[in-house]
C-alpha atoms as a PDB file:
ATOM      1  CA  UNK A   1       5.621  26.933   2.639  1.00  0.00           C
ATOM      2  CA  UNK A   2       8.683  28.518   4.538  1.00  0.00           C
ATOM      3  CA  UNK A   3      10.752  25.257   4.303  1.00  0.00           C
ATOM      4  CA  UNK A   4      10.742  26.382   0.136  1.00  0.00           C
ATOM      5  CA  UNK A   5      11.349  30.351   1.401  1.00  0.00           C
ATOM      6  CA  UNK A   6      14.139  29.390   3.306  1.00  0.00           C
ATOM      7  CA  UNK A   7      16.007  27.716   0.530  1.00  0.00           C
ATOM      8  CA  UNK A   8      15.400  29.965  -1.817  1.00  0.00           C
ATOM      9  CA  UNK A   9      17.443  32.517   0.422  1.00  0.00           C
ATOM     10  CA  UNK A  10      19.784  29.807   0.999  1.00  0.00           C
ATOM     11  CA  UNK A  11      20.219  29.258  -2.752  1.00  0.00           C
ATOM     12  CA  UNK A  12      20.337  32.873  -3.579  1.00  0.00           C
ATOM     13  CA  UNK A  13      23.426  33.062  -0.978  1.00  0.00           C
ATOM     14  CA  UNK A  14      21.481  35.202   1.334  1.00  0.00           C
ATOM     15  CA  UNK A  15      22.715  33.534   4.093  1.00  0.00           C
ATOM     16  CA  UNK A  16      24.027  33.880   7.861  1.00  0.00           C
ATOM     17  CA  UNK A  17      27.555  33.026   8.477  1.00  0.00           C
ATOM     18  CA  UNK A  18      26.478  28.890   8.806  1.00  0.00           C
ATOM     19  CA  UNK A  19      24.348  29.087   5.491  1.00  0.00           C
ATOM     20  CA  UNK A  20      21.298  29.314   7.177  1.00  0.00           C
ATOM     21  CA  UNK A  21      18.480  32.234   7.677  1.00  0.00           C
ATOM     22  CA  UNK A  22      17.611  33.909  10.712  1.00  0.00           C
ATOM     23  CA  UNK A  23      13.984  33.317  12.609  1.00  0.00           C
ATOM     24  CA  UNK A  24      13.007  36.044  15.187  1.00  0.00           C
ATOM     25  CA  UNK A  25       9.897  35.540  17.251  1.00  0.00           C
ATOM     26  CA  UNK A  26      10.584  38.620  19.555  1.00  0.00           C
ATOM     27  CA  UNK A  27       7.373  40.411  17.545  1.00  0.00           C
ATOM     28  CA  UNK A  28       5.192  38.434  19.638  1.00  0.00           C
ATOM     29  CA  UNK A  29       6.625  38.918  22.931  1.00  0.00           C
ATOM     30  CA  UNK A  30       9.742  37.070  24.716  1.00  0.00           C
ATOM     31  CA  UNK A  31       7.159  36.437  27.566  1.00  0.00           C
ATOM     32  CA  UNK A  32       4.285  34.888  25.230  1.00  0.00           C
ATOM     33  CA  UNK A  33       6.919  33.021  23.201  1.00  0.00           C
ATOM     34  CA  UNK A  34       8.704  31.074  26.463  1.00  0.00           C
ATOM     35  CA  UNK A  35       4.979  30.203  27.847  1.00  0.00           C
ATOM     36  CA  UNK A  36       3.849  28.463  24.239  1.00  0.00           C
ATOM     37  CA  UNK A  37       6.981  27.157  23.232  1.00  0.00           C
ATOM     38  CA  UNK A  38       9.013  26.158  26.541  1.00  0.00           C
ATOM     39  CA  UNK A  39      10.554  23.429  24.688  1.00  0.00           C
ATOM     40  CA  UNK A  40      12.288  24.867  22.196  1.00  0.00           C
ATOM     41  CA  UNK A  41      13.056  27.879  24.619  1.00  0.00           C
ATOM     42  CA  UNK A  42      14.664  25.779  26.578  1.00  0.00           C
ATOM     43  CA  UNK A  43      16.627  23.776  23.534  1.00  0.00           C
ATOM     44  CA  UNK A  44      17.815  26.915  21.755  1.00  0.00           C
ATOM     45  CA  UNK A  45      19.040  28.163  25.249  1.00  0.00           C
ATOM     46  CA  UNK A  46      20.426  25.065  25.802  1.00  0.00           C
ATOM     47  CA  UNK A  47      22.664  25.733  22.776  1.00  0.00           C
ATOM     48  CA  UNK A  48      23.291  29.474  23.905  1.00  0.00           C
ATOM     49  CA  UNK A  49      20.353  31.027  21.515  1.00  0.00           C
ATOM     50  CA  UNK A  50      17.484  33.329  22.578  1.00  0.00           C
ATOM     51  CA  UNK A  51      14.247  31.791  20.868  1.00  0.00           C
ATOM     52  CA  UNK A  52      12.527  33.984  22.644  1.00  0.00           C
ATOM     53  CA  UNK A  53      14.170  37.808  22.163  1.00  0.00           C
ATOM     54  CA  UNK A  54      16.519  37.375  19.686  1.00  0.00           C
ATOM     55  CA  UNK A  55      18.063  35.494  16.517  1.00  0.00           C
ATOM     56  CA  UNK A  56      18.437  32.153  15.908  1.00  0.00           C
ATOM     57  CA  UNK A  57      20.104  30.439  12.955  1.00  0.00           C
ATOM     58  CA  UNK A  58      17.745  27.493  11.295  1.00  0.00           C
ATOM     59  CA  UNK A  59      17.603  25.998   7.993  1.00  0.00           C
ATOM     60  CA  UNK A  60      14.967  23.340   6.620  1.00  0.00           C
ATOM     61  CA  UNK A  61      15.804  19.692   7.921  1.00  0.00           C
ATOM     62  CA  UNK A  62      13.859  16.394   7.076  1.00  0.00           C
ATOM     63  CA  UNK A  63      12.347  15.543  10.483  1.00  0.00           C
ATOM     64  CA  UNK A  64       9.586  13.428   9.871  1.00  0.00           C
ATOM     65  CA  UNK A  65       8.779  10.719   7.156  1.00  0.00           C
ATOM     66  CA  UNK A  66       5.024  11.226   5.768  1.00  0.00           C
ATOM     67  CA  UNK A  67       4.352   7.642   4.978  1.00  0.00           C
ATOM     68  CA  UNK A  68       4.548   4.486   6.548  1.00  0.00           C
ATOM     69  CA  UNK A  69       3.774   0.835   5.807  1.00  0.00           C
ATOM     70  CA  UNK A  70       0.120   0.290   4.698  1.00  0.00           C
ATOM     71  CA  UNK A  71      -1.904  -1.162   7.131  1.00  0.00           C
ATOM     72  CA  UNK A  72      -5.425  -1.832   8.737  1.00  0.00           C
ATOM     73  CA  UNK A  73      -7.045  -0.113  11.180  1.00  0.00           C
ATOM     74  CA  UNK A  74      -5.592  -2.600  13.880  1.00  0.00           C
ATOM     75  CA  UNK A  75      -2.249  -2.085  12.490  1.00  0.00           C
ATOM     76  CA  UNK A  76      -2.075  -5.888  10.802  1.00  0.00           C
ATOM     77  CA  UNK A  77      -0.364  -5.742   7.915  1.00  0.00           C
ATOM     78  CA  UNK A  78      -0.690  -8.260   4.242  1.00  0.00           C
ATOM     79  CA  UNK A  79       2.522 -10.155   6.106  1.00  0.00           C
ATOM     80  CA  UNK A  80       1.099 -12.564   8.615  1.00  0.00           C
ATOM     81  CA  UNK A  81       2.455 -11.411  11.984  1.00  0.00           C
ATOM     82  CA  UNK A  82       3.500  -8.132  11.210  1.00  0.00           C
ATOM     83  CA  UNK A  83       1.907  -5.275  12.665  1.00  0.00           C
ATOM     84  CA  UNK A  84       3.227  -1.364  12.789  1.00  0.00           C
ATOM     85  CA  UNK A  85       3.075   1.263  15.457  1.00  0.00           C
ATOM     86  CA  UNK A  86       4.806   5.036  15.492  1.00  0.00           C
ATOM     87  CA  UNK A  87       5.902   6.520  12.509  1.00  0.00           C
ATOM     88  CA  UNK A  88       5.566   3.568  10.143  1.00  0.00           C
ATOM     89  CA  UNK A  89       1.914   3.217  10.453  1.00  0.00           C
ATOM     90  CA  UNK A  90       0.189   3.889   7.242  1.00  0.00           C
ATOM     91  CA  UNK A  91       1.089   7.388   6.528  1.00  0.00           C
ATOM     92  CA  UNK A  92      -2.082   8.531   8.141  1.00  0.00           C
ATOM     93  CA  UNK A  93      -1.243  12.546   8.118  1.00  0.00           C
ATOM     94  CA  UNK A  94      -1.315  12.354   4.540  1.00  0.00           C
ATOM     95  CA  UNK A  95       0.878  14.851   2.996  1.00  0.00           C
ATOM     96  CA  UNK A  96       2.147  16.736   5.744  1.00  0.00           C
ATOM     97  CA  UNK A  97       2.234  16.728   9.334  1.00  0.00           C
ATOM     98  CA  UNK A  98       0.749  19.603  11.238  1.00  0.00           C
ATOM     99  CA  UNK A  99       3.291  20.152  14.114  1.00  0.00           C
ATOM    100  CA  UNK A 100       2.596  18.453  17.438  1.00  0.00           C
ATOM    101  CA  UNK A 101       0.470  15.496  15.921  1.00  0.00           C
ATOM    102  CA  UNK A 102       3.434  13.190  15.686  1.00  0.00           C
ATOM    103  CA  UNK A 103       2.713  11.840  18.935  1.00  0.00           C
ATOM    104  CA  UNK A 104      -0.513  10.033  17.728  1.00  0.00           C
ATOM    105  CA  UNK A 105       1.408   7.535  15.774  1.00  0.00           C
ATOM    106  CA  UNK A 106       2.683   6.326  19.110  1.00  0.00           C
ATOM    107  CA  UNK A 107       0.280   6.366  21.658  1.00  0.00           C
ATOM    108  CA  UNK A 108      -2.782   5.523  19.140  1.00  0.00           C
ATOM    109  CA  UNK A 109      -1.751   2.784  16.873  1.00  0.00           C
ATOM    110  CA  UNK A 110       1.138   1.839  19.739  1.00  0.00           C
ATOM    111  CA  UNK A 111      -1.831   1.256  21.828  1.00  0.00           C
ATOM    112  CA  UNK A 112      -4.119   0.014  19.462  1.00  0.00           C
ATOM    113  CA  UNK A 113      -1.317  -2.756  18.554  1.00  0.00           C
ATOM    114  CA  UNK A 114      -0.709  -3.985  22.347  1.00  0.00           C
ATOM    115  CA  UNK A 115      -4.297  -4.762  22.709  1.00  0.00           C
ATOM    116  CA  UNK A 116      -4.005  -6.587  19.287  1.00  0.00           C
ATOM    117  CA  UNK A 117      -1.330  -8.294  19.074  1.00  0.00           C
ATOM    118  CA  UNK A 118      -1.738 -10.601  22.284  1.00  0.00           C
ATOM    119  CA  UNK A 119      -5.610 -11.568  20.944  1.00  0.00           C
ATOM    120  CA  UNK A 120      -4.136 -12.737  17.925  1.00  0.00           C
ATOM    121  CA  UNK A 121      -1.241 -15.129  19.535  1.00  0.00           C
ATOM    122  CA  UNK A 122      -3.691 -15.767  21.838  1.00  0.00           C
ATOM    123  CA  UNK A 123      -6.326 -17.071  18.901  1.00  0.00           C
ATOM    124  CA  UNK A 124      -3.104 -18.670  16.739  1.00  0.00           C
ATOM    125  CA  UNK A 125      -1.084 -20.461  19.611  1.00  0.00           C
ATOM    126  CA  UNK A 126       2.459 -22.141  18.376  1.00  0.00           C
ATOM    127  CA  UNK A 127       4.963 -20.555  15.913  1.00  0.00           C
ATOM    128  CA  UNK A 128       5.143 -21.604  12.402  1.00  0.00           C
ATOM    129  CA  UNK A 129       8.173 -23.183  10.864  1.00  0.00           C
ATOM    130  CA  UNK A 130      10.499 -20.421  10.145  1.00  0.00           C
ATOM    131  CA  UNK A 131      11.905 -20.318   6.485  1.00  0.00           C
ATOM    132  CA  UNK A 132      15.273 -21.135   6.133  1.00  0.00           C
ATOM    133  CA  UNK A 133      16.307 -19.355   2.533  1.00  0.00           C
ATOM    134  CA  UNK A 134      14.846 -16.400   3.659  1.00  0.00           C
ATOM    135  CA  UNK A 135      16.995 -16.994   6.761  1.00  0.00           C
ATOM    136  CA  UNK A 136      20.032 -18.011   4.745  1.00  0.00           C
ATOM    137  CA  UNK A 137      19.716 -15.044   2.849  1.00  0.00           C
ATOM    138  CA  UNK A 138      19.614 -12.546   5.320  1.00  0.00           C
ATOM    139  CA  UNK A 139      22.378 -13.924   7.038  1.00  0.00           C
ATOM    140  CA  UNK A 140      24.360 -13.405   3.636  1.00  0.00           C
ATOM    141  CA  UNK A 141      23.026 -10.000   3.308  1.00  0.00           C
ATOM    142  CA  UNK A 142      24.439  -9.197   6.751  1.00  0.00           C
ATOM    143  CA  UNK A 143      27.643 -10.655   6.231  1.00  0.00           C
ATOM    144  CA  UNK A 144      28.506  -9.261   2.810  1.00  0.00           C
ATOM    145  CA  UNK A 145      30.644  -6.513   4.209  1.00  0.00           C
ATOM    146  CA  UNK A 146      32.830  -8.314   6.366  1.00  0.00           C
ATOM    147  CA  UNK A 147      33.996 -10.135   2.685  1.00  0.00           C
ATOM    148  CA  UNK A 148      34.889  -6.630   1.209  1.00  0.00           C
ATOM    149  CA  UNK A 149      37.947  -4.775   1.734  1.00  0.00           C
ATOM    150  CA  UNK A 150      37.188  -2.271   4.258  1.00  0.00           C
ATOM    151  CA  UNK A 151      36.632   1.997   3.084  1.00  0.00           C
ATOM    152  CA  UNK A 152      35.264   5.090   4.550  1.00  0.00           C
ATOM    153  CA  UNK A 153      31.919   4.373   4.992  1.00  0.00           C
ATOM    154  CA  UNK A 154      31.064   7.449   6.329  1.00  0.00           C
ATOM    155  CA  UNK A 155      32.249   9.402   3.687  1.00  0.00           C
ATOM    156  CA  UNK A 156      29.340   7.469   1.439  1.00  0.00           C
ATOM    157  CA  UNK A 157      26.926   8.595   3.812  1.00  0.00           C
ATOM    158  CA  UNK A 158      28.144  12.021   3.690  1.00  0.00           C
ATOM    159  CA  UNK A 159      27.663  11.429  -0.263  1.00  0.00           C
ATOM    160  CA  UNK A 160      24.572  10.130  -0.554  1.00  0.00           C
ATOM    161  CA  UNK A 161      23.253  12.840   2.235  1.00  0.00           C
ATOM    162  CA  UNK A 162      24.343  15.750  -0.362  1.00  0.00           C
ATOM    163  CA  UNK A 163      23.005  13.920  -3.152  1.00  0.00           C
ATOM    164  CA  UNK A 164      19.438  13.745  -1.565  1.00  0.00           C
ATOM    165  CA  UNK A 165      20.322  17.342  -0.520  1.00  0.00           C
ATOM    166  CA  UNK A 166      20.620  18.692  -3.883  1.00  0.00           C
ATOM    167  CA  UNK A 167      18.724  16.766  -5.874  1.00  0.00           C
ATOM    168  CA  UNK A 168      15.812  15.590  -4.244  1.00  0.00           C
ATOM    169  CA  UNK A 169      15.327  17.965  -1.484  1.00  0.00           C
ATOM    170  CA  UNK A 170      12.611  20.718  -0.725  1.00  0.00           C
ATOM    171  CA  UNK A 171      12.692  21.974  -4.254  1.00  0.00           C
ATOM    172  CA  UNK A 172      12.906  19.413  -7.151  1.00  0.00           C
ATOM    173  CA  UNK A 173      11.790  18.623 -10.474  1.00  0.00           C
ATOM    174  CA  UNK A 174      12.683  15.669 -12.781  1.00  0.00           C
ATOM    175  CA  UNK A 175      15.654  16.154 -14.049  1.00  0.00           C
ATOM    176  CA  UNK A 176      17.207  16.692 -10.227  1.00  0.00           C
ATOM    177  CA  UNK A 177      15.029  13.824  -9.199  1.00  0.00           C
ATOM    178  CA  UNK A 178      16.805  11.916 -12.500  1.00  0.00           C
ATOM    179  CA  UNK A 179      20.356  13.240 -11.347  1.00  0.00           C
ATOM    180  CA  UNK A 180      19.724  11.981  -7.762  1.00  0.00           C
ATOM    181  CA  UNK A 181      18.313   8.475  -8.888  1.00  0.00           C
ATOM    182  CA  UNK A 182      21.985   7.973 -10.931  1.00  0.00           C
ATOM    183  CA  UNK A 183      23.724   9.441  -7.543  1.00  0.00           C
ATOM    184  CA  UNK A 184      22.009   6.845  -5.715  1.00  0.00           C
ATOM    185  CA  UNK A 185      23.095   4.058  -8.029  1.00  0.00           C
ATOM    186  CA  UNK A 186      26.259   5.124  -7.906  1.00  0.00           C
ATOM    187  CA  UNK A 187      26.638   5.212  -4.166  1.00  0.00           C
ATOM    188  CA  UNK A 188      25.309   1.964  -3.366  1.00  0.00           C
ATOM    189  CA  UNK A 189      27.771   0.476  -6.324  1.00  0.00           C
ATOM    190  CA  UNK A 190      30.506   1.857  -4.102  1.00  0.00           C
ATOM    191  CA  UNK A 191      29.156   0.925  -1.178  1.00  0.00           C
ATOM    192  CA  UNK A 192      28.993  -2.766  -2.244  1.00  0.00           C
ATOM    193  CA  UNK A 193      32.067  -2.696  -2.887  1.00  0.00           C
ATOM    194  CA  UNK A 194      33.191  -1.127   0.403  1.00  0.00           C
ATOM    195  CA  UNK A 195      33.498  -3.009   3.291  1.00  0.00           C
ATOM    196  CA  UNK A 196      34.061  -3.688   6.703  1.00  0.00           C
ATOM    197  CA  UNK A 197      36.369  -4.809   8.833  1.00  0.00           C
ATOM    198  CA  UNK A 198      36.092  -8.288  10.031  1.00  0.00           C
ATOM    199  CA  UNK A 199      37.228  -8.228  13.855  1.00  0.00           C
ATOM    200  CA  UNK A 200      35.228  -8.551  17.193  1.00  0.00           C
ATOM    201  CA  UNK A 201      31.509  -8.914  15.634  1.00  0.00           C
ATOM    202  CA  UNK A 202      30.044  -8.112  18.842  1.00  0.00           C
ATOM    203  CA  UNK A 203      30.729  -4.696  18.857  1.00  0.00           C
ATOM    204  CA  UNK A 204      31.714  -3.483  15.322  1.00  0.00           C
ATOM    205  CA  UNK A 205      29.892  -0.458  14.960  1.00  0.00           C
ATOM    206  CA  UNK A 206      31.065   0.660  11.896  1.00  0.00           C
ATOM    207  CA  UNK A 207      29.116  -3.455  10.566  1.00  0.00           C
ATOM    208  CA  UNK A 208      26.019  -1.222  11.312  1.00  0.00           C
ATOM    209  CA  UNK A 209      27.037   2.186   9.868  1.00  0.00           C
ATOM    210  CA  UNK A 210      27.456  -0.182   6.644  1.00  0.00           C
ATOM    211  CA  UNK A 211      24.114  -1.803   6.796  1.00  0.00           C
ATOM    212  CA  UNK A 212      22.510   1.341   7.930  1.00  0.00           C
ATOM    213  CA  UNK A 213      23.714   2.832   4.586  1.00  0.00           C
ATOM    214  CA  UNK A 214      22.317   0.073   2.507  1.00  0.00           C
ATOM    215  CA  UNK A 215      19.321   0.464   4.201  1.00  0.00           C
ATOM    216  CA  UNK A 216      19.330   4.732   3.693  1.00  0.00           C
ATOM    217  CA  UNK A 217      20.160   3.843  -0.337  1.00  0.00           C
ATOM    218  CA  UNK A 218      17.164   2.109  -0.345  1.00  0.00           C
ATOM    219  CA  UNK A 219      14.892   4.324   0.963  1.00  0.00           C
ATOM    220  CA  UNK A 220      16.526   7.191  -0.581  1.00  0.00           C
ATOM    221  CA  UNK A 221      15.506   5.172  -4.142  1.00  0.00           C
ATOM    222  CA  UNK A 222      11.876   4.811  -2.602  1.00  0.00           C
ATOM    223  CA  UNK A 223      11.498   8.683  -1.803  1.00  0.00           C
ATOM    224  CA  UNK A 224      13.368   9.207  -5.797  1.00  0.00           C
ATOM    225  CA  UNK A 225      11.058   7.120  -7.498  1.00  0.00           C
ATOM    226  CA  UNK A 226       7.863   8.189  -5.530  1.00  0.00           C
ATOM    227  CA  UNK A 227       8.720  11.924  -6.096  1.00  0.00           C
ATOM    228  CA  UNK A 228       8.863  11.122  -9.784  1.00  0.00           C
ATOM    229  CA  UNK A 229       5.896   9.314  -9.868  1.00  0.00           C
ATOM    230  CA  UNK A 230       3.739  12.495  -8.447  1.00  0.00           C
ATOM    231  CA  UNK A 231       3.738  14.833 -11.279  1.00  0.00           C
ATOM    232  CA  UNK A 232       1.883  17.756  -8.557  1.00  0.00           C
ATOM    233  CA  UNK A 233       3.020  19.649  -5.177  1.00  0.00           C
ATOM    234  CA  UNK A 234       1.351  18.584  -2.307  1.00  0.00           C
ATOM    235  CA  UNK A 235       2.252  19.426   1.462  1.00  0.00           C
ATOM    236  CA  UNK A 236       6.243  18.442   2.694  1.00  0.00           C
ATOM    237  CA  UNK A 237       6.597  17.421  -1.468  1.00  0.00           C
ATOM    238  CA  UNK A 238       6.980  19.975  -3.873  1.00  0.00           C
ATOM    239  CA  UNK A 239       7.844  19.857  -8.181  1.00  0.00           C
ATOM    240  CA  UNK A 240       9.150  23.065  -9.567  1.00  0.00           C
ATOM    241  CA  UNK A 241       7.937  21.654 -12.867  1.00  0.00           C
ATOM    242  CA  UNK A 242       4.197  20.707 -11.355  1.00  0.00           C
ATOM    243  CA  UNK A 243       3.818  23.039  -9.053  1.00  0.00           C
ATOM    244  CA  UNK A 244       0.137  23.281  -8.401  1.00  0.00           C
ATOM    245  CA  UNK A 245      -1.609  20.253  -6.375  1.00  0.00           C
ATOM    246  CA  UNK A 246      -3.711  18.672  -8.450  1.00  0.00           C
ATOM    247  CA  UNK A 247      -7.250  17.835  -8.544  1.00  0.00           C
ATOM    248  CA  UNK A 248      -8.418  16.848  -4.356  1.00  0.00           C
ATOM    249  CA  UNK A 249     -11.623  15.196  -5.846  1.00  0.00           C
ATOM    250  CA  UNK A 250      -9.141  12.153  -7.722  1.00  0.00           C
ATOM    251  CA  UNK A 251      -6.248  12.530  -5.123  1.00  0.00           C
ATOM    252  CA  UNK A 252      -4.069   9.274  -4.893  1.00  0.00           C
ATOM    253  CA  UNK A 253      -1.119   7.952  -2.576  1.00  0.00           C
ATOM    254  CA  UNK A 254       2.108   6.806  -3.938  1.00  0.00           C
ATOM    255  CA  UNK A 255       2.517   2.792  -2.821  1.00  0.00           C
ATOM    256  CA  UNK A 256       6.296   1.546  -3.142  1.00  0.00           C
ATOM    257  CA  UNK A 257       7.058  -2.464  -3.803  1.00  0.00           C
ATOM    258  CA  UNK A 258       9.801  -4.678  -3.618  1.00  0.00           C
ATOM    259  CA  UNK A 259       9.122  -6.279  -7.282  1.00  0.00           C
ATOM    260  CA  UNK A 260      11.092  -8.987  -8.996  1.00  0.00           C
ATOM    261  CA  UNK A 261      12.500  -6.506 -11.202  1.00  0.00           C
ATOM    262  CA  UNK A 262      13.380  -3.932  -8.063  1.00  0.00           C
ATOM    263  CA  UNK A 263      11.259  -1.225  -6.878  1.00  0.00           C
ATOM    264  CA  UNK A 264       7.677  -1.150  -8.432  1.00  0.00           C
ATOM    265  CA  UNK A 265       5.927   2.517  -7.756  1.00  0.00           C
ATOM    266  CA  UNK A 266       2.334   2.297  -7.779  1.00  0.00           C
ATOM    267  CA  UNK A 267      -0.758   4.852  -6.839  1.00  0.00           C
ATOM    268  CA  UNK A 268      -4.401   4.018  -5.187  1.00  0.00           C
ATOM    269  CA  UNK A 269      -7.181   6.521  -4.533  1.00  0.00           C
ATOM    270  CA  UNK A 270      -7.672   7.822  -1.132  1.00  0.00           C
ATOM    271  CA  UNK A 271     -10.984   7.281   0.239  1.00  0.00           C
ATOM    272  CA  UNK A 272     -13.003  10.032   1.873  1.00  0.00           C
ATOM    273  CA  UNK A 273     -14.872   8.038   4.358  1.00  0.00           C
ATOM    274  CA  UNK A 274     -15.371  11.012   6.496  1.00  0.00           C
ATOM    275  CA  UNK A 275     -14.827  14.210   4.915  1.00  0.00           C
ATOM    276  CA  UNK A 276     -14.448  15.244   1.197  1.00  0.00           C
ATOM    277  CA  UNK A 277     -12.368  18.030  -0.449  1.00  0.00           C
ATOM    278  CA  UNK A 278     -13.697  21.553   0.019  1.00  0.00           C
ATOM    279  CA  UNK A 279     -15.940  20.256   3.055  1.00  0.00           C
ATOM    280  CA  UNK A 280     -15.859  20.854   6.773  1.00  0.00           C
ATOM    281  CA  UNK A 281     -16.451  19.532  10.267  1.00  0.00           C
ATOM    282  CA  UNK A 282     -15.666  22.523  11.568  1.00  0.00           C
ATOM    283  CA  UNK A 283     -19.281  24.147  11.594  1.00  0.00           C
ATOM    284  CA  UNK A 284     -20.718  20.918  12.642  1.00  0.00           C
ATOM    285  CA  UNK A 285     -18.148  21.200  15.861  1.00  0.00           C
ATOM    286  CA  UNK A 286     -18.846  24.562  16.129  1.00  0.00           C
ATOM    287  CA  UNK A 287     -22.510  24.371  16.279  1.00  0.00           C
ATOM    288  CA  UNK A 288     -22.762  21.946  18.759  1.00  0.00           C
ATOM    289  CA  UNK A 289     -20.994  23.952  21.141  1.00  0.00           C
END
């Protein structure tokens, strides 16, 4: 809600000199702010901003991915030998992440994966023979840009960032998402026609940038297609043409898979195994105290 409010001000042109808005926390008491948000106060001070008592320019930004690889509670996936931890673990936060809870992905799932993997290896020692076809395909994929005429990879990255912000950003609708998908297709096509110099491959950072940008175009397409599929507004996902949250009792989560003909977007029902919509565990916790 805060991001959408900021975005509305920016779209209306009511911005700070750098195109954002100001945040002020002085009314909470500078000493209290410095105590409760010490890390952020220190970071702002390093940039010559006074978060505790002054004004700080802010804009919405994508800083967390509310999704991940579907996995079991032991972090195993349907891919034999593939485990996940950290931000990639299963989308445990749902539609939005509560501030400060991101560390749970690393400490909880990282700890579980660290315990589970050695036991799996001990129970199934040895290595499976590698799939030569897969290895050859990935080598060809990685070396592809070395065979194309070098171009400006960073300009394409900036173009992708602008496309996702303008069309698939804080507030989106069917028309904007479809424009975004066309933009992603055009950027990917331009990228595939753009290469990097085949110089010293050991320290060719532009080669890394090209491969990263190829991944960014792919995940951008997943984000856009998932946003197009979900015709409601939940958490960090807001569709101006479908502003309502929909029926919570029949909630689904979006699943993206790589199919034979491209990305396939499906849905799976949310399993309410601990608490159902409209219920709370807080009353029980308070009563127990």
